Amino acid sequence: MGTVVNIQSGGKSPLAGITRAFILLLVVLGASELISPIPMAVLAGIALYVGINILDWSFLKRAHKVALSPTIIMYGVMTLTVFVDLMVAVGIGVFIANIMTIEKLSRLQSGNVKAISDADDDIPLSEEEKALLDQADGKVLLFYLSGPMIFGASKAIAKHHNRIHNYKAVVLDLSAVPMMDLTIGLALENAIKDAIEADCAVYIFSPNGQTSERLEKLGVANRLPHDAFCDSRKSALALAVKNLPTV
């Protein structure tokens, strides 16, 4: 509340907040005798007046039309603030909002996990790469991930890697993944382990240092031959097609 009042009073820099905090410190430590005669009812009235003024009434009237979930969270936080405690209300509100944000990100990231065995416009392939996939005749699975990968995308990875036993080789393309968390690393490790158990060759293109380091720490390199890590997607596809079993 104090911060909002400070801003409404013209405060535009961190110095305004520092000044407010310093004045409050002086009042508490050095001027307590001067403010002690002020009745609590007066202070409560001032707090109530300020609280009413800082509310965005125009937004409250149309909040339910903008987005239902954030509106429910907002009113829930307001109710908890009044009947329980401010810190409890803020903690619960932030927790629920974070869970909802993670869920939305997970749905978006699921679309960034793709697995194809023939040329597909959803994945930017060169003509040579399309030709290699066509040459594989559906025996090579291209596993393509893009964007930052957090744990929410692990479900999509698991869904796609259940198909691995239907192929003779898998090309894992991580060139468009700037970072991934441990859960994604474990999901990829499980996919690679399943491929090995199904006698499916694995080739990885991972030029990003962070993603390569994550796979290395999980011991993925120890399970694969020395030529499994390739310097391009094209070379990975070429190796996969070249080493396909003839039977």
C-alpha atoms as a PDB file:
ATOM      1  CA  MET A   1       0.000   0.000   0.000  1.00  0.00           C
ATOM      2  CA  GLY A   2       2.804   2.385   0.903  1.00  0.00           C
ATOM      3  CA  THR A   3       4.543   1.756  -2.406  1.00  0.00           C
ATOM      4  CA  VAL A   4       1.373   2.500  -4.394  1.00  0.00           C
ATOM      5  CA  VAL A   5       0.788   5.729  -2.452  1.00  0.00           C
ATOM      6  CA  ASN A   6       4.401   6.701  -3.078  1.00  0.00           C
ATOM      7  CA  ILE A   7       3.949   6.199  -6.824  1.00  0.00           C
ATOM      8  CA  GLN A   8       0.641   8.077  -6.851  1.00  0.00           C
ATOM      9  CA  SER A   9       2.375  10.941  -5.055  1.00  0.00           C
ATOM     10  CA  GLY A  10       4.912  11.284  -7.876  1.00  0.00           C
ATOM     11  CA  GLY A  11       7.682   8.891  -6.846  1.00  0.00           C
ATOM     12  CA  LYS A  12       9.548   7.663  -9.944  1.00  0.00           C
ATOM     13  CA  SER A  13      12.847   6.229  -8.714  1.00  0.00           C
ATOM     14  CA  PRO A  14      14.135   3.846  -6.017  1.00  0.00           C
ATOM     15  CA  LEU A  15      15.105   6.937  -4.040  1.00  0.00           C
ATOM     16  CA  ALA A  16      11.407   7.569  -3.332  1.00  0.00           C
ATOM     17  CA  GLY A  17      11.051   4.159  -1.688  1.00  0.00           C
ATOM     18  CA  ILE A  18      14.286   4.631   0.281  1.00  0.00           C
ATOM     19  CA  THR A  19      13.086   8.043   1.525  1.00  0.00           C
ATOM     20  CA  ARG A  20       9.731   6.595   2.585  1.00  0.00           C
ATOM     21  CA  ALA A  21      11.418   3.743   4.457  1.00  0.00           C
ATOM     22  CA  PHE A  22      13.870   6.125   6.155  1.00  0.00           C
ATOM     23  CA  ILE A  23      11.072   8.449   7.323  1.00  0.00           C
ATOM     24  CA  LEU A  24       9.120   5.471   8.650  1.00  0.00           C
ATOM     25  CA  LEU A  25      12.224   4.307  10.529  1.00  0.00           C
ATOM     26  CA  LEU A  26      12.650   7.736  12.120  1.00  0.00           C
ATOM     27  CA  VAL A  27       8.985   7.788  13.149  1.00  0.00           C
ATOM     28  CA  VAL A  28       9.151   4.340  14.713  1.00  0.00           C
ATOM     29  CA  LEU A  29      12.468   4.814  16.516  1.00  0.00           C
ATOM     30  CA  GLY A  30      12.488   8.511  17.380  1.00  0.00           C
ATOM     31  CA  ALA A  31       8.980   9.900  17.193  1.00  0.00           C
ATOM     32  CA  SER A  32       6.896   7.134  18.704  1.00  0.00           C
ATOM     33  CA  GLU A  33       5.855   9.366  21.604  1.00  0.00           C
ATOM     34  CA  LEU A  34       4.517  11.964  19.176  1.00  0.00           C
ATOM     35  CA  ILE A  35       2.306   9.525  17.270  1.00  0.00           C
ATOM     36  CA  SER A  36       1.191   7.395  20.214  1.00  0.00           C
ATOM     37  CA  PRO A  37      -1.710   9.776  21.128  1.00  0.00           C
ATOM     38  CA  ILE A  38      -3.225   9.301  17.659  1.00  0.00           C
ATOM     39  CA  PRO A  39      -6.245   6.964  18.057  1.00  0.00           C
ATOM     40  CA  MET A  40      -6.060   3.650  16.190  1.00  0.00           C
ATOM     41  CA  ALA A  41      -9.483   4.425  14.700  1.00  0.00           C
ATOM     42  CA  VAL A  42      -7.962   7.452  12.924  1.00  0.00           C
ATOM     43  CA  LEU A  43      -5.055   5.402  11.551  1.00  0.00           C
ATOM     44  CA  ALA A  44      -7.474   2.657  10.463  1.00  0.00           C
ATOM     45  CA  GLY A  45      -9.616   5.273   8.685  1.00  0.00           C
ATOM     46  CA  ILE A  46      -6.580   6.626   6.845  1.00  0.00           C
ATOM     47  CA  ALA A  47      -5.523   3.089   5.837  1.00  0.00           C
ATOM     48  CA  LEU A  48      -9.049   2.312   4.636  1.00  0.00           C
ATOM     49  CA  TYR A  49      -9.222   5.540   2.619  1.00  0.00           C
ATOM     50  CA  VAL A  50      -5.846   4.902   0.991  1.00  0.00           C
ATOM     51  CA  GLY A  51      -6.774   1.283   0.313  1.00  0.00           C
ATOM     52  CA  ILE A  52      -9.966   2.296  -1.478  1.00  0.00           C
ATOM     53  CA  ASN A  53      -8.120   4.888  -3.563  1.00  0.00           C
ATOM     54  CA  ILE A  54      -5.408   2.509  -4.787  1.00  0.00           C
ATOM     55  CA  LEU A  55      -7.927  -0.012  -6.138  1.00  0.00           C
ATOM     56  CA  ASP A  56      -8.355   0.022  -9.914  1.00  0.00           C
ATOM     57  CA  TRP A  57     -12.152   0.137  -9.920  1.00  0.00           C
ATOM     58  CA  SER A  58     -12.441   0.351 -13.710  1.00  0.00           C
ATOM     59  CA  PHE A  59     -10.520  -2.919 -14.045  1.00  0.00           C
ATOM     60  CA  LEU A  60     -12.490  -4.661 -11.281  1.00  0.00           C
ATOM     61  CA  LYS A  61     -15.713  -3.981 -13.189  1.00  0.00           C
ATOM     62  CA  ARG A  62     -14.459  -5.784 -16.309  1.00  0.00           C
ATOM     63  CA  ALA A  63     -11.941  -8.219 -14.820  1.00  0.00           C
ATOM     64  CA  HIS A  64     -14.231 -11.235 -15.270  1.00  0.00           C
ATOM     65  CA  LYS A  65     -14.541 -10.412 -18.982  1.00  0.00           C
ATOM     66  CA  VAL A  66     -10.769 -10.229 -19.544  1.00  0.00           C
ATOM     67  CA  ALA A  67      -9.682 -13.566 -18.016  1.00  0.00           C
ATOM     68  CA  LEU A  68     -11.577 -15.767 -15.596  1.00  0.00           C
ATOM     69  CA  SER A  69      -8.697 -17.652 -13.917  1.00  0.00           C
ATOM     70  CA  PRO A  70      -6.605 -14.568 -12.971  1.00  0.00           C
ATOM     71  CA  THR A  71      -9.794 -12.887 -11.736  1.00  0.00           C
ATOM     72  CA  ILE A  72     -10.567 -15.817  -9.420  1.00  0.00           C
ATOM     73  CA  ILE A  73      -6.997 -15.692  -8.086  1.00  0.00           C
ATOM     74  CA  MET A  74      -7.234 -11.939  -7.553  1.00  0.00           C
ATOM     75  CA  TYR A  75     -10.480 -12.124  -5.571  1.00  0.00           C
ATOM     76  CA  GLY A  76      -9.150 -15.122  -3.646  1.00  0.00           C
ATOM     77  CA  VAL A  77      -6.050 -13.150  -2.637  1.00  0.00           C
ATOM     78  CA  MET A  78      -8.223 -10.192  -1.604  1.00  0.00           C
ATOM     79  CA  THR A  79     -10.421 -12.461   0.537  1.00  0.00           C
ATOM     80  CA  LEU A  80      -7.429 -14.142   2.204  1.00  0.00           C
ATOM     81  CA  THR A  81      -5.856 -10.744   2.853  1.00  0.00           C
ATOM     82  CA  VAL A  82      -8.955  -9.542   4.706  1.00  0.00           C
ATOM     83  CA  PHE A  83      -9.817 -12.684   6.649  1.00  0.00           C
ATOM     84  CA  VAL A  84      -6.431 -14.420   7.091  1.00  0.00           C
ATOM     85  CA  ASP A  85      -3.141 -12.605   6.493  1.00  0.00           C
ATOM     86  CA  LEU A  86      -1.467 -10.557   3.769  1.00  0.00           C
ATOM     87  CA  MET A  87       1.665 -12.729   3.511  1.00  0.00           C
ATOM     88  CA  VAL A  88      -0.389 -15.939   3.395  1.00  0.00           C
ATOM     89  CA  ALA A  89      -2.582 -14.458   0.663  1.00  0.00           C
ATOM     90  CA  VAL A  90       0.379 -13.312  -1.430  1.00  0.00           C
ATOM     91  CA  GLY A  91       2.173 -16.658  -0.997  1.00  0.00           C
ATOM     92  CA  ILE A  92      -0.854 -18.704  -2.074  1.00  0.00           C
ATOM     93  CA  GLY A  93      -1.623 -16.340  -4.954  1.00  0.00           C
ATOM     94  CA  VAL A  94       1.939 -16.447  -6.308  1.00  0.00           C
ATOM     95  CA  PHE A  95       2.040 -20.250  -5.982  1.00  0.00           C
ATOM     96  CA  ILE A  96      -1.233 -20.779  -7.879  1.00  0.00           C
ATOM     97  CA  ALA A  97      -0.278 -18.215 -10.550  1.00  0.00           C
ATOM     98  CA  ASN A  98       3.077 -19.969 -11.087  1.00  0.00           C
ATOM     99  CA  ILE A  99       1.388 -23.365 -11.431  1.00  0.00           C
ATOM    100  CA  MET A 100      -1.002 -21.945 -14.038  1.00  0.00           C
ATOM    101  CA  THR A 101       1.882 -20.314 -15.928  1.00  0.00           C
ATOM    102  CA  ILE A 102       3.848 -23.579 -15.958  1.00  0.00           C
ATOM    103  CA  GLU A 103       0.791 -25.437 -17.242  1.00  0.00           C
ATOM    104  CA  LYS A 104       0.386 -22.938 -20.098  1.00  0.00           C
ATOM    105  CA  LEU A 105       4.089 -23.151 -20.959  1.00  0.00           C
ATOM    106  CA  SER A 106       3.866 -26.951 -20.935  1.00  0.00           C
ATOM    107  CA  ARG A 107       1.026 -26.882 -23.469  1.00  0.00           C
ATOM    108  CA  LEU A 108       3.007 -24.504 -25.675  1.00  0.00           C
ATOM    109  CA  GLN A 109       6.182 -26.578 -25.403  1.00  0.00           C
ATOM    110  CA  SER A 110       4.362 -29.759 -26.340  1.00  0.00           C
ATOM    111  CA  GLY A 111       4.027 -28.278 -29.820  1.00  0.00           C
ATOM    112  CA  ASN A 112       7.819 -27.841 -29.971  1.00  0.00           C
ATOM    113  CA  VAL A 113       8.423 -31.589 -29.648  1.00  0.00           C
ATOM    114  CA  LYS A 114       8.048 -33.243 -33.056  1.00  0.00           C
ATOM    115  CA  ALA A 115       8.854 -36.716 -34.376  1.00  0.00           C
ATOM    116  CA  ILE A 116       8.657 -37.456 -38.114  1.00  0.00           C
ATOM    117  CA  SER A 117       9.775 -40.236 -40.434  1.00  0.00           C
ATOM    118  CA  ASP A 118       9.189 -38.407 -43.713  1.00  0.00           C
ATOM    119  CA  ALA A 119       9.440 -34.840 -44.986  1.00  0.00           C
ATOM    120  CA  ASP A 120       7.251 -32.511 -42.940  1.00  0.00           C
ATOM    121  CA  ASP A 121       6.705 -28.760 -43.314  1.00  0.00           C
ATOM    122  CA  ASP A 122       6.574 -28.395 -39.515  1.00  0.00           C
ATOM    123  CA  ILE A 123      10.350 -28.965 -39.381  1.00  0.00           C
ATOM    124  CA  PRO A 124      12.657 -26.771 -41.508  1.00  0.00           C
ATOM    125  CA  LEU A 125      14.488 -29.361 -43.627  1.00  0.00           C
ATOM    126  CA  SER A 126      16.852 -28.797 -46.540  1.00  0.00           C
ATOM    127  CA  GLU A 127      16.298 -30.614 -49.820  1.00  0.00           C
ATOM    128  CA  GLU A 128      19.169 -32.983 -49.002  1.00  0.00           C
ATOM    129  CA  GLU A 129      17.653 -33.802 -45.609  1.00  0.00           C
ATOM    130  CA  LYS A 130      14.239 -34.440 -47.167  1.00  0.00           C
ATOM    131  CA  ALA A 131      15.865 -36.734 -49.702  1.00  0.00           C
ATOM    132  CA  LEU A 132      17.627 -38.679 -46.942  1.00  0.00           C
ATOM    133  CA  LEU A 133      14.352 -39.172 -45.057  1.00  0.00           C
ATOM    134  CA  ASP A 134      12.678 -40.356 -48.240  1.00  0.00           C
ATOM    135  CA  GLN A 135      15.580 -42.714 -48.846  1.00  0.00           C
ATOM    136  CA  ALA A 136      15.135 -44.174 -45.347  1.00  0.00           C
ATOM    137  CA  ASP A 137      11.672 -45.355 -46.384  1.00  0.00           C
ATOM    138  CA  GLY A 138      10.119 -44.728 -42.966  1.00  0.00           C
ATOM    139  CA  LYS A 139      12.843 -46.566 -41.010  1.00  0.00           C
ATOM    140  CA  VAL A 140      14.444 -43.419 -39.525  1.00  0.00           C
ATOM    141  CA  LEU A 141      12.689 -41.267 -36.925  1.00  0.00           C
ATOM    142  CA  LEU A 142      13.724 -37.613 -36.714  1.00  0.00           C
ATOM    143  CA  PHE A 143      13.159 -36.365 -33.181  1.00  0.00           C
ATOM    144  CA  TYR A 144      13.137 -32.546 -33.247  1.00  0.00           C
ATOM    145  CA  LEU A 145      12.972 -30.261 -30.196  1.00  0.00           C
ATOM    146  CA  SER A 146      12.920 -26.465 -30.310  1.00  0.00           C
ATOM    147  CA  GLY A 147      12.920 -23.652 -27.759  1.00  0.00           C
ATOM    148  CA  PRO A 148      13.748 -23.761 -24.028  1.00  0.00           C
ATOM    149  CA  MET A 149      12.709 -27.119 -22.584  1.00  0.00           C
ATOM    150  CA  ILE A 150      11.370 -27.355 -19.022  1.00  0.00           C
ATOM    151  CA  PHE A 151       9.826 -30.315 -17.219  1.00  0.00           C
ATOM    152  CA  GLY A 152       6.350 -29.719 -18.652  1.00  0.00           C
ATOM    153  CA  ALA A 153       7.479 -30.975 -22.073  1.00  0.00           C
ATOM    154  CA  SER A 154       8.622 -34.357 -20.718  1.00  0.00           C
ATOM    155  CA  LYS A 155       5.115 -35.791 -21.247  1.00  0.00           C
ATOM    156  CA  ALA A 156       5.255 -34.953 -24.958  1.00  0.00           C
ATOM    157  CA  ILE A 157       8.734 -36.502 -25.236  1.00  0.00           C
ATOM    158  CA  ALA A 158       7.527 -39.686 -23.558  1.00  0.00           C
ATOM    159  CA  LYS A 159       4.522 -39.844 -25.892  1.00  0.00           C
ATOM    160  CA  HIS A 160       6.720 -39.674 -28.987  1.00  0.00           C
ATOM    161  CA  HIS A 161       9.486 -41.955 -27.771  1.00  0.00           C
ATOM    162  CA  ASN A 162       7.010 -44.789 -27.238  1.00  0.00           C
ATOM    163  CA  ARG A 163       7.093 -45.175 -31.031  1.00  0.00           C
ATOM    164  CA  ILE A 164      10.849 -45.741 -31.187  1.00  0.00           C
ATOM    165  CA  HIS A 165      10.620 -49.545 -31.374  1.00  0.00           C
ATOM    166  CA  ASN A 166       8.951 -49.166 -34.791  1.00  0.00           C
ATOM    167  CA  TYR A 167      12.154 -47.725 -36.330  1.00  0.00           C
ATOM    168  CA  LYS A 168      15.712 -48.817 -37.054  1.00  0.00           C
ATOM    169  CA  ALA A 169      17.395 -45.488 -36.293  1.00  0.00           C
ATOM    170  CA  VAL A 170      16.613 -42.296 -34.408  1.00  0.00           C
ATOM    171  CA  VAL A 171      18.102 -38.867 -35.081  1.00  0.00           C
ATOM    172  CA  LEU A 172      17.804 -36.553 -32.081  1.00  0.00           C
ATOM    173  CA  ASP A 173      18.041 -32.923 -33.205  1.00  0.00           C
ATOM    174  CA  LEU A 174      18.657 -30.484 -30.322  1.00  0.00           C
ATOM    175  CA  SER A 175      20.078 -27.669 -32.443  1.00  0.00           C
ATOM    176  CA  ALA A 176      17.138 -25.352 -31.646  1.00  0.00           C
ATOM    177  CA  VAL A 177      17.190 -26.001 -27.870  1.00  0.00           C
ATOM    178  CA  PRO A 178      19.076 -23.198 -26.043  1.00  0.00           C
ATOM    179  CA  MET A 179      18.555 -24.801 -22.621  1.00  0.00           C
ATOM    180  CA  MET A 180      16.832 -27.721 -20.963  1.00  0.00           C
ATOM    181  CA  ASP A 181      16.287 -28.703 -17.350  1.00  0.00           C
ATOM    182  CA  LEU A 182      17.143 -31.973 -15.655  1.00  0.00           C
ATOM    183  CA  THR A 183      13.686 -33.501 -16.174  1.00  0.00           C
ATOM    184  CA  ILE A 184      13.966 -33.086 -19.951  1.00  0.00           C
ATOM    185  CA  GLY A 185      17.445 -34.558 -19.830  1.00  0.00           C
ATOM    186  CA  LEU A 186      16.111 -37.611 -17.998  1.00  0.00           C
ATOM    187  CA  ALA A 187      13.239 -37.940 -20.499  1.00  0.00           C
ATOM    188  CA  LEU A 188      15.731 -37.919 -23.382  1.00  0.00           C
ATOM    189  CA  GLU A 189      17.921 -40.404 -21.533  1.00  0.00           C
ATOM    190  CA  ASN A 190      14.941 -42.768 -21.196  1.00  0.00           C
ATOM    191  CA  ALA A 191      14.176 -42.368 -24.903  1.00  0.00           C
ATOM    192  CA  ILE A 192      17.782 -43.231 -25.783  1.00  0.00           C
ATOM    193  CA  LYS A 193      17.806 -46.230 -23.426  1.00  0.00           C
ATOM    194  CA  ASP A 194      14.578 -47.530 -24.982  1.00  0.00           C
ATOM    195  CA  ALA A 195      16.064 -47.105 -28.452  1.00  0.00           C
ATOM    196  CA  ILE A 196      19.178 -49.062 -27.499  1.00  0.00           C
ATOM    197  CA  GLU A 197      17.084 -51.864 -25.982  1.00  0.00           C
ATOM    198  CA  ALA A 198      15.036 -51.994 -29.198  1.00  0.00           C
ATOM    199  CA  ASP A 199      18.253 -52.302 -31.307  1.00  0.00           C
ATOM    200  CA  CYS A 200      17.559 -48.868 -32.753  1.00  0.00           C
ATOM    201  CA  ALA A 201      20.644 -46.801 -33.631  1.00  0.00           C
ATOM    202  CA  VAL A 202      20.800 -43.315 -32.090  1.00  0.00           C
ATOM    203  CA  TYR A 203      22.440 -40.228 -33.621  1.00  0.00           C
ATOM    204  CA  ILE A 204      22.497 -36.871 -31.853  1.00  0.00           C
ATOM    205  CA  PHE A 205      23.027 -33.363 -33.174  1.00  0.00           C
ATOM    206  CA  SER A 206      23.469 -31.035 -30.209  1.00  0.00           C
ATOM    207  CA  PRO A 207      25.628 -27.966 -30.984  1.00  0.00           C
ATOM    208  CA  ASN A 208      24.534 -26.073 -27.873  1.00  0.00           C
ATOM    209  CA  GLY A 209      27.008 -26.426 -25.007  1.00  0.00           C
ATOM    210  CA  GLN A 210      24.415 -26.452 -22.222  1.00  0.00           C
ATOM    211  CA  THR A 211      22.331 -29.260 -23.706  1.00  0.00           C
ATOM    212  CA  SER A 212      25.398 -31.322 -24.596  1.00  0.00           C
ATOM    213  CA  GLU A 213      26.771 -30.892 -21.086  1.00  0.00           C
ATOM    214  CA  ARG A 214      23.443 -32.012 -19.606  1.00  0.00           C
ATOM    215  CA  LEU A 215      23.459 -35.210 -21.682  1.00  0.00           C
ATOM    216  CA  GLU A 216      27.125 -35.820 -20.871  1.00  0.00           C
ATOM    217  CA  LYS A 217      26.515 -35.549 -17.117  1.00  0.00           C
ATOM    218  CA  LEU A 218      23.717 -38.098 -17.429  1.00  0.00           C
ATOM    219  CA  GLY A 219      26.191 -40.523 -19.005  1.00  0.00           C
ATOM    220  CA  VAL A 220      24.434 -40.684 -22.371  1.00  0.00           C
ATOM    221  CA  ALA A 221      27.719 -40.649 -24.295  1.00  0.00           C
ATOM    222  CA  ASN A 222      28.888 -43.788 -22.484  1.00  0.00           C
ATOM    223  CA  ARG A 223      25.927 -45.755 -23.852  1.00  0.00           C
ATOM    224  CA  LEU A 224      26.458 -44.738 -27.483  1.00  0.00           C
ATOM    225  CA  PRO A 225      29.213 -45.397 -30.064  1.00  0.00           C
ATOM    226  CA  HIS A 226      31.774 -42.672 -30.749  1.00  0.00           C
ATOM    227  CA  ASP A 227      30.092 -41.598 -34.005  1.00  0.00           C
ATOM    228  CA  ALA A 228      26.667 -41.069 -32.388  1.00  0.00           C
ATOM    229  CA  PHE A 229      27.284 -37.341 -31.864  1.00  0.00           C
ATOM    230  CA  CYS A 230      27.244 -35.578 -35.237  1.00  0.00           C
ATOM    231  CA  ASP A 231      28.234 -32.082 -36.337  1.00  0.00           C
ATOM    232  CA  SER A 232      25.052 -31.447 -38.340  1.00  0.00           C
ATOM    233  CA  ARG A 233      21.540 -32.792 -38.797  1.00  0.00           C
ATOM    234  CA  LYS A 234      22.354 -33.711 -42.381  1.00  0.00           C
ATOM    235  CA  SER A 235      25.348 -35.828 -41.365  1.00  0.00           C
ATOM    236  CA  ALA A 236      23.279 -37.506 -38.644  1.00  0.00           C
ATOM    237  CA  LEU A 237      20.580 -38.417 -41.160  1.00  0.00           C
ATOM    238  CA  ALA A 238      23.212 -39.597 -43.641  1.00  0.00           C
ATOM    239  CA  LEU A 239      24.799 -41.898 -41.050  1.00  0.00           C
ATOM    240  CA  ALA A 240      21.397 -43.203 -39.998  1.00  0.00           C
ATOM    241  CA  VAL A 241      20.476 -44.074 -43.602  1.00  0.00           C
ATOM    242  CA  LYS A 242      23.912 -45.495 -44.398  1.00  0.00           C
ATOM    243  CA  ASN A 243      23.879 -47.847 -41.382  1.00  0.00           C
ATOM    244  CA  LEU A 244      20.341 -49.118 -41.822  1.00  0.00           C
ATOM    245  CA  PRO A 245      20.224 -52.926 -41.753  1.00  0.00           C
ATOM    246  CA  THR A 246      19.799 -54.406 -45.209  1.00  0.00           C
ATOM    247  CA  VAL A 247      17.445 -57.194 -44.048  1.00  0.00           C
END
